[in-house]
N, C-alpha and C. Protein backbone atom coordinates (compact mmCIF):
# COMPACT_ATOMS: atom_id res chain seq x y z
N MET A 1 -15.20 27.20 13.19
CA MET A 1 -13.88 26.49 13.64
C MET A 1 -14.13 25.17 13.84
N TRP A 2 -15.22 24.74 15.17
CA TRP A 2 -15.38 23.85 15.47
C TRP A 2 -16.15 22.94 14.29
N ALA A 3 -16.90 23.31 13.29
CA ALA A 3 -18.26 22.92 12.28
C ALA A 3 -16.94 22.42 11.20
N CYS A 4 -16.19 23.52 11.02
CA CYS A 4 -14.88 22.60 10.04
C CYS A 4 -14.33 21.77 10.59
N GLN A 5 -13.86 21.37 11.84
CA GLN A 5 -12.90 20.12 12.54
C GLN A 5 -13.59 19.22 11.85
N SER A 6 -15.35 18.94 12.22
CA SER A 6 -16.86 17.42 12.14
C SER A 6 -15.93 17.35 11.09
N THR A 7 -16.26 18.36 10.13
CA THR A 7 -16.72 17.99 8.87
C THR A 7 -15.36 16.79 8.04
N SER A 8 -13.86 17.67 8.75
CA SER A 8 -12.52 16.61 8.52
C SER A 8 -12.86 15.78 8.73
N VAL A 9 -12.40 15.61 9.97
CA VAL A 9 -12.38 14.02 10.57
C VAL A 9 -14.38 13.26 9.88
N ALA A 10 -15.52 13.58 9.58
CA ALA A 10 -16.23 13.13 8.84
C ALA A 10 -15.85 12.86 8.03
N THR A 11 -15.67 13.40 6.92
CA THR A 11 -14.77 13.61 5.82
C THR A 11 -13.85 12.23 5.01
N ALA A 12 -12.90 12.14 6.37
CA ALA A 12 -11.91 11.66 6.55
C ALA A 12 -12.14 9.90 7.52
N ALA A 13 -13.06 10.03 7.84
CA ALA A 13 -14.37 8.16 8.35
C ALA A 13 -14.34 7.78 7.29
N LEU A 14 -15.26 8.42 6.12
CA LEU A 14 -15.98 7.67 5.07
C LEU A 14 -15.33 7.52 4.11
N TRP A 15 -14.08 8.16 3.68
CA TRP A 15 -13.36 8.33 2.16
C TRP A 15 -13.19 6.67 1.94
N PRO A 16 -12.46 5.59 3.03
CA PRO A 16 -12.53 4.25 2.53
C PRO A 16 -14.02 4.24 1.71
N THR A 17 -14.90 4.75 1.72
CA THR A 17 -16.05 4.11 0.99
C THR A 17 -16.18 4.94 -0.04
N TRP A 18 -15.78 6.38 -0.67
CA TRP A 18 -15.77 6.95 -0.92
C TRP A 18 -14.56 6.57 -1.73
N GLN A 19 -13.72 5.63 -2.08
CA GLN A 19 -12.73 5.85 -2.88
C GLN A 19 -12.73 4.65 -3.70
N LYS A 20 -13.76 3.19 -3.10
CA LYS A 20 -14.07 2.55 -3.82
C LYS A 20 -15.48 2.70 -4.73
N ARG A 21 -16.26 3.51 -4.07
CA ARG A 21 -17.04 4.08 -5.12
C ARG A 21 -16.51 4.36 -6.08
N TRP A 22 -15.64 5.91 -6.17
CA TRP A 22 -15.61 6.45 -7.11
C TRP A 22 -14.08 5.88 -8.04
N GLY A 23 -13.56 5.60 -7.23
CA GLY A 23 -11.46 5.04 -7.68
C GLY A 23 -10.69 6.13 -7.69
N TYR A 24 -11.29 7.20 -6.26
CA TYR A 24 -10.11 8.03 -5.85
C TYR A 24 -8.50 7.42 -5.08
N GLU A 25 -7.50 8.13 -5.74
CA GLU A 25 -6.87 6.55 -5.08
C GLU A 25 -5.99 7.60 -3.64
N SER A 26 -6.77 8.53 -2.79
CA SER A 26 -6.97 9.58 -1.28
C SER A 26 -7.59 10.39 -1.74
N ARG A 27 -7.34 10.91 -0.69
CA ARG A 27 -8.44 12.26 -0.64
C ARG A 27 -7.35 13.64 -1.19
N HIS A 28 -6.57 13.57 -0.73
CA HIS A 28 -5.79 14.15 -1.52
C HIS A 28 -6.08 14.61 -3.66
N HIS A 29 -5.95 13.57 -3.14
CA HIS A 29 -6.04 13.69 -4.73
C HIS A 29 -7.70 14.34 -5.56
N PHE A 30 -8.62 13.85 -4.63
CA PHE A 30 -10.12 14.21 -5.31
C PHE A 30 -9.62 15.38 -4.57
N LEU A 31 -9.42 15.95 -4.08
CA LEU A 31 -9.00 17.67 -4.15
C LEU A 31 -8.24 18.79 -4.77
N GLY A 32 -7.31 17.69 -4.95
CA GLY A 32 -6.86 18.47 -6.30
C GLY A 32 -5.34 18.45 -6.64
N ARG A 33 -4.54 18.95 -5.16
CA ARG A 33 -3.35 19.12 -4.32
C ARG A 33 -2.62 17.81 -4.97
N SER A 34 -2.62 16.54 -5.60
CA SER A 34 -1.69 16.06 -6.04
C SER A 34 -1.12 15.78 -7.35
N GLY A 35 0.46 15.98 -7.96
CA GLY A 35 -0.13 15.47 -9.26
C GLY A 35 0.58 17.04 -10.34
N ALA A 36 0.78 16.85 -11.63
CA ALA A 36 1.18 18.06 -11.95
C ALA A 36 0.21 19.54 -12.31
N GLY A 37 0.31 19.69 -13.18
CA GLY A 37 -1.01 21.55 -14.05
C GLY A 37 -2.82 20.35 -14.13
N ARG A 38 -3.45 21.39 -13.37
CA ARG A 38 -4.60 20.68 -14.04
C ARG A 38 -4.84 21.29 -15.17
N GLY A 39 -6.48 20.33 -15.49
CA GLY A 39 -6.85 20.74 -17.16
C GLY A 39 -8.53 20.42 -17.91
N ARG A 40 -8.70 20.13 -18.44
CA ARG A 40 -10.22 19.84 -18.72
C ARG A 40 -9.61 18.36 -19.92
N SER A 41 -11.36 17.76 -19.54
CA SER A 41 -11.04 16.73 -20.67
C SER A 41 -12.59 16.87 -21.31
N ASP A 42 -12.73 17.90 -21.75
CA ASP A 42 -13.63 18.40 -23.43
C ASP A 42 -13.12 18.46 -23.87
N GLY A 43 -11.96 18.15 -24.76
CA GLY A 43 -11.40 18.10 -25.77
C GLY A 43 -10.56 19.88 -25.66
N ARG A 44 -10.21 21.15 -24.61
CA ARG A 44 -9.80 21.85 -25.37
C ARG A 44 -8.11 21.44 -24.26
N ASN A 45 -7.93 20.51 -23.90
CA ASN A 45 -6.96 20.62 -23.15
C ASN A 45 -7.10 18.69 -22.85
N GLU A 46 -5.86 18.36 -23.17
CA GLU A 46 -5.69 17.06 -23.25
C GLU A 46 -5.82 16.61 -22.02
N ILE A 47 -4.99 16.89 -21.03
CA ILE A 47 -4.72 16.87 -19.03
C ILE A 47 -6.10 16.60 -19.18
N MET A 48 -6.63 15.81 -17.76
CA MET A 48 -7.27 15.72 -17.17
C MET A 48 -7.43 16.34 -15.79
N PRO A 49 -8.48 16.75 -14.65
CA PRO A 49 -8.52 17.16 -13.65
C PRO A 49 -8.20 16.75 -12.80
N ARG A 50 -7.18 17.07 -11.41
CA ARG A 50 -6.92 15.67 -10.47
C ARG A 50 -7.95 14.99 -9.37
N TRP A 51 -8.42 15.50 -10.51
CA TRP A 51 -10.07 15.19 -9.64
C TRP A 51 -10.82 13.60 -10.07
N ARG A 52 -10.39 13.69 -11.39
CA ARG A 52 -10.91 12.03 -11.18
C ARG A 52 -10.07 10.79 -11.30
N ALA A 53 -11.16 9.78 -11.71
CA ALA A 53 -9.78 8.87 -11.05
C ALA A 53 -8.26 8.68 -11.33
N PHE A 54 -7.73 8.14 -11.25
CA PHE A 54 -5.80 8.08 -11.16
C PHE A 54 -5.50 7.91 -12.08
N GLU A 55 -5.45 6.27 -12.73
CA GLU A 55 -4.90 5.91 -14.47
C GLU A 55 -4.87 7.07 -15.43
N PRO A 56 -6.42 6.82 -16.06
CA PRO A 56 -6.90 8.05 -16.74
C PRO A 56 -6.05 9.25 -16.83
N TYR A 57 -5.97 10.11 -15.44
CA TYR A 57 -5.15 11.20 -14.95
C TYR A 57 -3.41 10.79 -15.98
N PHE A 58 -3.36 9.94 -15.69
CA PHE A 58 -1.87 9.38 -15.23
C PHE A 58 -1.99 9.55 -16.42
N TRP A 59 -2.41 9.19 -17.15
CA TRP A 59 -1.88 7.94 -18.90
C TRP A 59 -2.23 9.79 -19.49
N SER A 60 -3.20 10.61 -18.92
CA SER A 60 -3.54 12.16 -20.02
C SER A 60 -2.59 12.87 -19.55
N LEU A 61 -0.96 13.10 -18.78
CA LEU A 61 -0.13 13.92 -18.53
C LEU A 61 1.02 12.84 -19.47
N VAL A 62 0.93 11.72 -20.31
CA VAL A 62 2.31 11.56 -21.04
C VAL A 62 1.85 11.11 -22.43
N LYS A 63 2.92 12.33 -23.09
CA LYS A 63 3.53 12.20 -24.61
C LYS A 63 3.44 11.29 -25.46
N LYS A 64 2.62 10.55 -25.97
CA LYS A 64 2.90 8.94 -26.72
C LYS A 64 3.12 8.88 -27.94
N SER A 65 4.61 8.25 -28.03
CA SER A 65 4.47 7.98 -29.80
C SER A 65 4.59 6.31 -30.08
N SER A 66 4.01 6.08 -30.90
CA SER A 66 3.88 5.17 -31.93
C SER A 66 5.20 3.80 -31.55
N THR A 67 5.69 4.74 -31.76
CA THR A 67 7.05 3.77 -31.98
C THR A 67 9.04 4.03 -31.40
N GLY A 68 8.68 5.31 -30.17
CA GLY A 68 10.21 5.34 -29.93
C GLY A 68 9.01 6.31 -27.95
N CYS A 69 9.63 6.66 -27.45
CA CYS A 69 9.21 6.82 -25.60
C CYS A 69 8.19 7.66 -25.70
N TRP A 70 7.74 7.00 -24.68
CA TRP A 70 6.47 7.70 -24.09
C TRP A 70 7.00 8.88 -22.94
N LEU A 71 6.93 10.14 -23.09
CA LEU A 71 7.84 10.63 -22.60
C LEU A 71 6.60 11.36 -21.38
N TRP A 72 7.35 12.16 -20.16
CA TRP A 72 6.30 12.69 -18.88
C TRP A 72 6.32 13.94 -19.11
N ARG A 73 4.36 14.02 -18.48
CA ARG A 73 5.22 15.43 -19.25
C ARG A 73 4.38 16.80 -17.50
N GLY A 74 4.49 15.79 -16.71
CA GLY A 74 4.20 15.97 -15.92
C GLY A 74 5.12 16.50 -14.99
N GLY A 75 5.08 16.90 -12.92
CA GLY A 75 6.53 17.24 -12.93
C GLY A 75 7.71 16.62 -12.34
N THR A 76 8.44 17.37 -12.68
CA THR A 76 9.61 15.88 -12.09
C THR A 76 10.79 15.52 -10.69
N PHE A 77 11.55 15.11 -10.33
CA PHE A 77 12.54 14.84 -9.11
C PHE A 77 13.93 16.01 -9.96
N GLY A 78 14.58 15.81 -8.79
CA GLY A 78 15.94 17.63 -8.99
C GLY A 78 16.57 16.69 -9.05
N ASN A 79 16.73 15.08 -10.25
CA ASN A 79 17.59 14.32 -10.88
C ASN A 79 16.94 13.90 -12.36
N GLY A 80 15.73 15.01 -12.46
CA GLY A 80 15.55 14.39 -13.39
C GLY A 80 14.39 13.62 -14.11
N TYR A 81 14.01 12.13 -12.95
CA TYR A 81 12.75 11.43 -13.43
C TYR A 81 11.48 12.06 -12.58
N GLY A 82 10.61 11.44 -13.75
CA GLY A 82 9.08 12.57 -13.89
C GLY A 82 8.80 11.08 -11.85
N ARG A 83 7.91 12.67 -11.14
CA ARG A 83 7.24 12.13 -10.64
C ARG A 83 5.31 12.41 -10.20
N VAL A 84 5.36 11.43 -9.17
CA VAL A 84 3.10 11.81 -9.28
C VAL A 84 3.07 11.28 -8.15
N HIS A 85 1.96 11.99 -7.51
CA HIS A 85 0.95 11.10 -6.44
C HIS A 85 0.56 10.66 -6.06
N PHE A 86 1.22 9.88 -5.74
CA PHE A 86 0.18 8.47 -6.02
C PHE A 86 0.10 7.20 -5.03
N ARG A 87 -1.04 7.33 -4.04
CA ARG A 87 -0.99 5.94 -2.92
C ARG A 87 -0.36 7.29 -1.40
N GLY A 88 -1.10 8.58 -2.13
CA GLY A 88 0.09 9.50 -0.38
C GLY A 88 0.97 9.69 -0.61
N ARG A 89 1.85 9.85 -1.11
CA ARG A 89 2.97 9.72 -1.43
C ARG A 89 3.82 10.50 -2.84
N ARG A 90 4.91 10.57 -3.23
CA ARG A 90 5.22 10.92 -4.17
C ARG A 90 6.77 9.63 -4.81
N ARG A 91 5.68 9.18 -6.29
CA ARG A 91 6.51 8.69 -6.29
C ARG A 91 7.22 8.51 -7.75
N PRO A 92 8.15 8.11 -7.82
CA PRO A 92 8.85 7.84 -9.48
C PRO A 92 7.69 7.60 -10.51
N ALA A 93 7.57 7.85 -11.56
CA ALA A 93 5.89 8.41 -12.14
C ALA A 93 6.33 7.45 -13.17
N HIS A 94 7.47 6.62 -14.13
CA HIS A 94 8.23 5.80 -14.26
C HIS A 94 7.76 4.43 -13.49
N ARG A 95 8.11 4.68 -12.08
CA ARG A 95 7.60 3.31 -11.44
C ARG A 95 6.69 2.99 -11.81
N VAL A 96 6.01 3.87 -10.91
CA VAL A 96 4.13 3.84 -11.49
C VAL A 96 3.64 3.43 -12.43
N ALA A 97 3.90 4.21 -13.98
CA ALA A 97 3.98 3.07 -14.93
C ALA A 97 3.31 1.92 -14.96
N TRP A 98 4.39 1.26 -14.37
CA TRP A 98 5.09 -0.62 -14.75
C TRP A 98 3.85 -0.45 -13.19
N GLN A 99 3.49 -0.20 -12.29
CA GLN A 99 2.53 -1.15 -11.42
C GLN A 99 1.33 -0.27 -12.01
N LEU A 100 1.46 0.09 -12.71
CA LEU A 100 -0.25 0.45 -13.41
C LEU A 100 -0.31 -1.08 -14.80
N ALA A 101 0.71 -1.10 -15.17
CA ALA A 101 0.98 -2.21 -16.47
C ALA A 101 0.53 -2.91 -15.78
N HIS A 102 1.74 -3.76 -15.03
CA HIS A 102 1.73 -4.97 -14.79
C HIS A 102 2.05 -5.37 -13.30
N GLY A 103 1.34 -4.66 -12.10
CA GLY A 103 0.29 -4.32 -11.26
C GLY A 103 2.45 -4.29 -9.84
N ARG A 104 2.10 -5.32 -9.08
CA ARG A 104 2.94 -4.09 -7.43
C ARG A 104 4.43 -5.43 -8.00
N ILE A 105 5.21 -3.97 -7.17
CA ILE A 105 6.49 -3.87 -7.79
C ILE A 105 7.25 -4.61 -5.84
N THR A 106 8.09 -5.65 -6.09
CA THR A 106 8.60 -6.53 -5.40
C THR A 106 9.77 -4.39 -5.24
N PRO A 107 9.65 -3.81 -3.48
CA PRO A 107 10.55 -3.23 -2.43
C PRO A 107 11.75 -3.22 -3.16
N LYS A 108 12.52 -4.59 -2.44
CA LYS A 108 13.78 -4.12 -2.95
C LYS A 108 14.59 -3.76 -4.48
N LEU A 109 13.96 -4.03 -5.78
CA LEU A 109 14.26 -4.23 -7.05
C LEU A 109 14.07 -2.86 -7.73
N LEU A 110 14.00 -2.58 -8.25
CA LEU A 110 14.69 -1.70 -9.35
C LEU A 110 13.65 -1.26 -10.61
N CYS A 111 13.15 0.13 -11.10
CA CYS A 111 12.51 -0.05 -12.55
C CYS A 111 13.70 0.53 -13.05
N CYS A 112 13.50 -0.50 -13.73
CA CYS A 112 15.12 0.17 -15.09
C CYS A 112 14.43 0.65 -15.99
N HIS A 113 15.04 1.56 -16.68
CA HIS A 113 15.28 1.84 -17.92
C HIS A 113 15.88 2.02 -19.50
N ARG A 114 15.76 0.95 -19.77
CA ARG A 114 16.33 0.14 -21.32
C ARG A 114 16.29 1.28 -22.12
N CYS A 115 16.21 2.12 -22.81
CA CYS A 115 16.32 3.40 -23.39
C CYS A 115 17.46 4.32 -22.57
N ASP A 116 17.29 4.16 -21.73
CA ASP A 116 18.58 5.24 -20.42
C ASP A 116 17.61 6.34 -20.65
N ASN A 117 16.44 6.82 -21.09
CA ASN A 117 15.76 8.13 -21.16
C ASN A 117 14.82 8.03 -19.46
N LYS A 118 14.90 9.57 -19.21
CA LYS A 118 14.37 8.98 -17.42
C LYS A 118 13.32 9.63 -17.79
N LEU A 119 13.09 10.04 -18.88
CA LEU A 119 11.32 10.84 -18.63
C LEU A 119 10.17 9.79 -18.95
N CYS A 120 11.35 9.54 -19.67
CA CYS A 120 10.19 7.96 -20.08
C CYS A 120 9.03 6.91 -19.33
N VAL A 121 7.86 7.36 -19.69
CA VAL A 121 6.87 5.46 -19.14
C VAL A 121 6.54 4.84 -19.55
N ARG A 122 6.97 4.67 -20.70
CA ARG A 122 6.76 2.91 -21.67
C ARG A 122 7.29 1.63 -21.05
N PRO A 123 5.59 1.42 -20.75
CA PRO A 123 5.89 -0.38 -19.80
C PRO A 123 7.36 -0.81 -20.32
N THR A 124 7.13 -0.48 -22.10
CA THR A 124 8.11 -2.54 -22.66
C THR A 124 9.58 -1.24 -22.65
N HIS A 125 10.20 -0.22 -22.60
CA HIS A 125 10.98 0.59 -21.68
C HIS A 125 11.45 0.46 -20.86
N LEU A 126 10.59 -0.64 -19.93
CA LEU A 126 11.11 -0.61 -18.78
C LEU A 126 11.15 -1.79 -18.43
N PHE A 127 12.47 -2.44 -17.09
CA PHE A 127 12.76 -3.67 -16.09
C PHE A 127 13.15 -3.50 -15.30
N LEU A 128 12.62 -4.62 -14.88
CA LEU A 128 12.39 -4.28 -12.93
C LEU A 128 13.82 -5.40 -12.72
N GLY A 129 14.89 -4.86 -12.37
CA GLY A 129 16.22 -6.08 -12.22
C GLY A 129 16.70 -5.52 -9.94
N SER A 130 17.74 -6.05 -9.68
CA SER A 130 18.56 -5.29 -8.62
C SER A 130 18.94 -4.19 -8.58
N GLN A 131 19.86 -3.64 -8.02
CA GLN A 131 20.87 -2.83 -7.60
C GLN A 131 22.02 -3.04 -8.77
N LYS A 132 22.93 -4.51 -8.25
CA LYS A 132 23.10 -5.06 -9.22
C LYS A 132 23.80 -5.58 -10.56
N ASP A 133 21.91 -5.45 -11.42
CA ASP A 133 21.39 -5.89 -12.25
C ASP A 133 22.05 -4.95 -13.06
N ASN A 134 21.16 -3.28 -11.74
CA ASN A 134 21.24 -1.75 -13.14
C ASN A 134 22.56 -1.44 -13.13
N MET A 135 23.35 -1.82 -11.74
CA MET A 135 25.24 -1.13 -12.58
C MET A 135 25.33 -1.68 -13.47
N GLN A 136 25.41 -3.07 -13.40
CA GLN A 136 25.86 -4.36 -15.03
C GLN A 136 25.33 -3.41 -15.50
N ASP A 137 24.46 -3.11 -16.35
CA ASP A 137 23.61 -2.64 -17.80
C ASP A 137 24.29 -1.07 -18.19
N TRP A 138 24.32 -1.00 -16.71
CA TRP A 138 24.72 0.58 -16.37
C TRP A 138 25.80 1.12 -17.46
N THR A 139 27.52 -0.46 -17.11
CA THR A 139 28.75 -0.91 -17.40
C THR A 139 28.30 -0.98 -18.56
N GLN A 140 27.55 -1.63 -19.04
CA GLN A 140 27.15 -2.11 -20.17
C GLN A 140 27.19 -0.83 -21.75
N LYS A 141 26.28 -0.28 -20.78
CA LYS A 141 26.41 0.86 -22.04
C LYS A 141 26.92 1.76 -22.42
N GLY A 142 28.24 1.71 -21.55
CA GLY A 142 29.72 2.60 -21.65
C GLY A 142 29.29 4.34 -20.81
N PHE A 143 28.16 3.52 -19.45
CA PHE A 143 28.71 4.93 -18.32
C PHE A 143 29.13 4.88 -17.69
N ASN A 144 29.79 3.70 -17.49
CA ASN A 144 30.51 3.28 -16.46
C ASN A 144 32.44 3.92 -16.73
N ARG A 145 32.51 5.41 -15.56
CA ARG A 145 33.63 5.20 -16.28
C ARG A 145 34.82 4.52 -15.48
N LEU A 146 34.69 4.76 -14.64
CA LEU A 146 36.40 3.84 -13.40
C LEU A 146 36.48 2.34 -14.47
N VAL A 147 35.62 2.05 -15.50
CA VAL A 147 36.15 0.35 -16.34
C VAL A 147 36.51 1.33 -17.46
N ASN A 148 35.89 1.85 -18.86
CA ASN A 148 36.17 2.80 -19.47
C ASN A 148 36.87 3.50 -19.54
N ASP A 149 37.49 3.75 -18.51
CA ASP A 149 38.58 4.58 -18.72
C ASP A 149 39.71 4.38 -18.21
N ARG A 150 40.48 3.70 -18.71
CA ARG A 150 42.41 2.99 -18.21
C ARG A 150 42.31 4.08 -17.39
N THR A 151 42.37 5.35 -17.68
CA THR A 151 43.69 6.37 -16.78
C THR A 151 43.78 5.98 -15.54
N LEU A 152 42.18 5.54 -15.04
CA LEU A 152 42.11 5.51 -13.25
C LEU A 152 42.02 4.76 -12.56
N TRP A 153 42.72 3.91 -13.40
CA TRP A 153 42.68 2.54 -12.86
C TRP A 153 44.76 2.44 -12.51
N ARG A 154 45.64 4.03 -12.66
CA ARG A 154 47.15 3.66 -12.64
C ARG A 154 46.89 4.24 -10.99
N THR A 155 47.97 4.05 -10.63
CA THR A 155 48.66 3.20 -9.31
C THR A 155 49.77 4.32 -9.03
N GLY A 156 50.14 4.84 -7.53
CA GLY A 156 51.76 6.17 -7.94
C GLY A 156 52.50 7.23 -7.90
N ASP A 157 52.66 7.77 -8.67
CA ASP A 157 53.14 8.50 -9.56
C ASP A 157 52.48 8.60 -10.19
N HIS A 158 51.89 7.88 -10.93
CA HIS A 158 50.49 7.78 -12.24
C HIS A 158 49.38 8.04 -11.43
N HIS A 159 49.33 8.08 -10.03
CA HIS A 159 47.77 8.50 -10.67
C HIS A 159 47.02 9.18 -10.66
N TRP A 160 45.74 9.83 -10.81
CA TRP A 160 45.55 11.42 -10.81
C TRP A 160 44.95 11.97 -9.25
N THR A 161 45.52 11.50 -8.63
CA THR A 161 45.29 12.36 -7.65
C THR A 161 47.06 13.09 -7.35
N CYS A 162 47.68 12.57 -7.69
CA CYS A 162 49.51 12.67 -7.78
C CYS A 162 49.61 13.87 -9.31
N GLN A 163 49.06 14.41 -10.10
CA GLN A 163 49.06 14.60 -11.12
C GLN A 163 49.02 16.04 -10.84
N PRO A 164 49.83 17.21 -11.67
CA PRO A 164 49.77 18.64 -11.50
C PRO A 164 48.68 19.63 -11.42
N ALA A 165 47.54 19.66 -11.62
CA ALA A 165 46.54 19.61 -11.83
C ALA A 165 45.83 19.90 -9.69
N ALA A 166 45.97 18.40 -9.88
CA ALA A 166 45.12 17.82 -8.68
C ALA A 166 45.99 18.41 -7.76
N ARG A 167 47.98 18.37 -7.40
CA ARG A 167 49.00 18.56 -6.18
C ARG A 167 48.50 20.17 -6.06
N LEU A 168 48.22 21.28 -7.42
CA LEU A 168 47.82 22.31 -6.95
C LEU A 168 46.31 22.83 -6.42
N TRP A 169 46.25 22.07 -6.65
CA TRP A 169 44.56 21.85 -5.82
C TRP A 169 44.80 21.88 -4.67
N ARG A 170 45.75 20.58 -3.96
CA ARG A 170 45.51 19.99 -2.65
C ARG A 170 46.58 21.87 -1.55
N GLN A 171 47.67 22.86 -2.42
CA GLN A 171 48.33 23.00 -2.29
C GLN A 171 47.80 24.65 -1.77
N LYS A 172 46.46 24.69 -2.65
CA LYS A 172 45.61 25.70 -3.05
C LYS A 172 44.63 25.85 -1.53
N GLN A 173 44.64 24.95 -1.10
CA GLN A 173 44.28 23.72 0.44
C GLN A 173 44.04 24.06 0.98
N SER A 174 45.50 24.30 1.32
CA SER A 174 46.25 23.46 2.62
C SER A 174 46.81 25.34 3.23
N HIS A 175 47.17 26.17 2.06
CA HIS A 175 47.28 27.39 2.63
C HIS A 175 46.14 27.77 2.29
N LYS A 176 44.52 27.55 2.15
CA LYS A 176 43.73 28.12 2.53
C LYS A 176 43.43 28.32 3.83
N LEU A 177 43.11 26.34 4.48
CA LEU A 177 43.14 25.89 5.80
C LEU A 177 44.05 27.30 6.83
N ARG A 178 45.63 26.77 6.21
CA ARG A 178 46.27 27.52 7.91
C ARG A 178 46.09 29.00 7.97
N ALA A 179 45.69 30.32 6.35
CA ALA A 179 45.57 31.03 6.99
C ALA A 179 43.95 32.09 8.22
N GLN A 180 43.83 30.59 7.52
CA GLN A 180 42.10 30.54 8.01
C GLN A 180 42.63 30.50 10.59
N LEU A 181 43.58 29.40 10.38
CA LEU A 181 44.02 29.46 11.45
C LEU A 181 44.46 30.26 11.69
N ARG A 182 44.81 30.81 11.36
CA ARG A 182 45.87 32.23 11.67
C ARG A 182 45.50 33.32 11.82
N SER A 183 44.20 33.16 11.31
CA SER A 183 43.23 34.67 11.39
C SER A 183 42.79 34.24 12.26
N GLY A 184 42.16 32.67 13.21
CA GLY A 184 41.19 32.94 13.70
C GLY A 184 39.63 32.10 13.32
N LEU A 185 39.43 32.59 12.32
CA LEU A 185 38.92 31.89 11.86
C LEU A 185 38.19 30.40 11.67
N ARG A 186 39.14 30.32 11.21
CA ARG A 186 38.61 28.55 11.99
C ARG A 186 39.61 28.28 13.19
N ILE A 187 38.82 27.21 13.62
CA ILE A 187 39.70 26.30 15.02
C ILE A 187 39.31 25.16 14.81
N VAL A 188 40.79 24.99 16.03
CA VAL A 188 41.09 23.40 15.85
C VAL A 188 39.98 22.31 17.24
N LEU A 189 39.85 20.89 16.61
CA LEU A 189 38.67 20.72 17.49
C LEU A 189 39.74 19.20 17.74
N ARG A 190 39.73 19.41 18.91
CA ARG A 190 40.32 17.92 20.33
C ARG A 190 39.10 16.55 21.07
N GLY A 191 39.36 16.11 21.18
CA GLY A 191 39.29 14.84 22.22
C GLY A 191 40.10 15.16 23.96
N ALA A 192 38.86 13.84 24.41
CA ALA A 192 39.05 14.61 25.83
C ALA A 192 40.79 14.37 25.94
N ASN A 193 41.75 13.49 25.60
CA ASN A 193 43.19 12.64 25.72
C ASN A 193 44.60 13.19 24.94
N GLY A 194 43.25 14.69 24.07
CA GLY A 194 43.88 15.40 23.30
C GLY A 194 44.35 14.86 21.24
N ARG A 195 43.31 13.78 21.43
CA ARG A 195 43.12 13.58 20.56
C ARG A 195 42.82 14.62 19.24
N LEU A 196 43.69 14.09 18.15
CA LEU A 196 43.23 16.10 17.05
C LEU A 196 41.52 14.93 16.08
N LEU A 197 41.00 15.57 16.06
CA LEU A 197 39.25 15.65 15.85
C LEU A 197 39.55 16.71 14.56
N GLY A 198 40.52 17.69 14.25
CA GLY A 198 39.53 17.92 13.00
C GLY A 198 39.25 19.18 13.07
N THR A 199 39.04 20.53 11.96
CA THR A 199 38.50 21.65 12.42
C THR A 199 37.36 22.58 11.68
N ARG A 200 36.74 23.08 12.27
CA ARG A 200 35.94 24.03 12.22
C ARG A 200 35.87 25.61 12.10
N MET A 201 34.94 26.59 10.42
CA MET A 201 35.16 27.60 11.43
C MET A 201 34.33 28.21 12.37
N ILE A 202 34.28 28.86 13.16
CA ILE A 202 33.84 29.73 13.76
C ILE A 202 32.53 31.68 13.50
């Protein structure tokens, strides 16, 4: 046990030297704990092992095309964007691709897609911009329903919340809450001055 601990401490102390000498991004990268699946570099598998230098390993997980998008073949986040372990943490693959091609990204800037393909990591299909730039690009491409669907602009009795479907949903929710209060499954919460705070299930 003590030998194992001393070995790990010694490895952590010497790691900056190893990183400089062999080009590994982190100790986890060296141990093969980051990125997607394993592979070989001898021609039997296009994906390189995870313990190789980071940049060749990263691009080995990309399916390149001469004209279209370069698709990420590694792991993905729940929102559909590619992910990769880079410099000690999981990061979006397209953001890492930009850094490998152009250098450091200012923290407040977003890495946006011109092609709107979440798995694309081709640097020429990416651009940097603020959240405002991203939303303007999103609107110009027709993805902003609030701008493109004028029915959402209606007010008063013509508002979407006053339409029959929305009214029916609110009635069902009201009947459901009242039934839960009568049965004791839901209780009313009040503040010290008797003010109604809300309800919750018990």
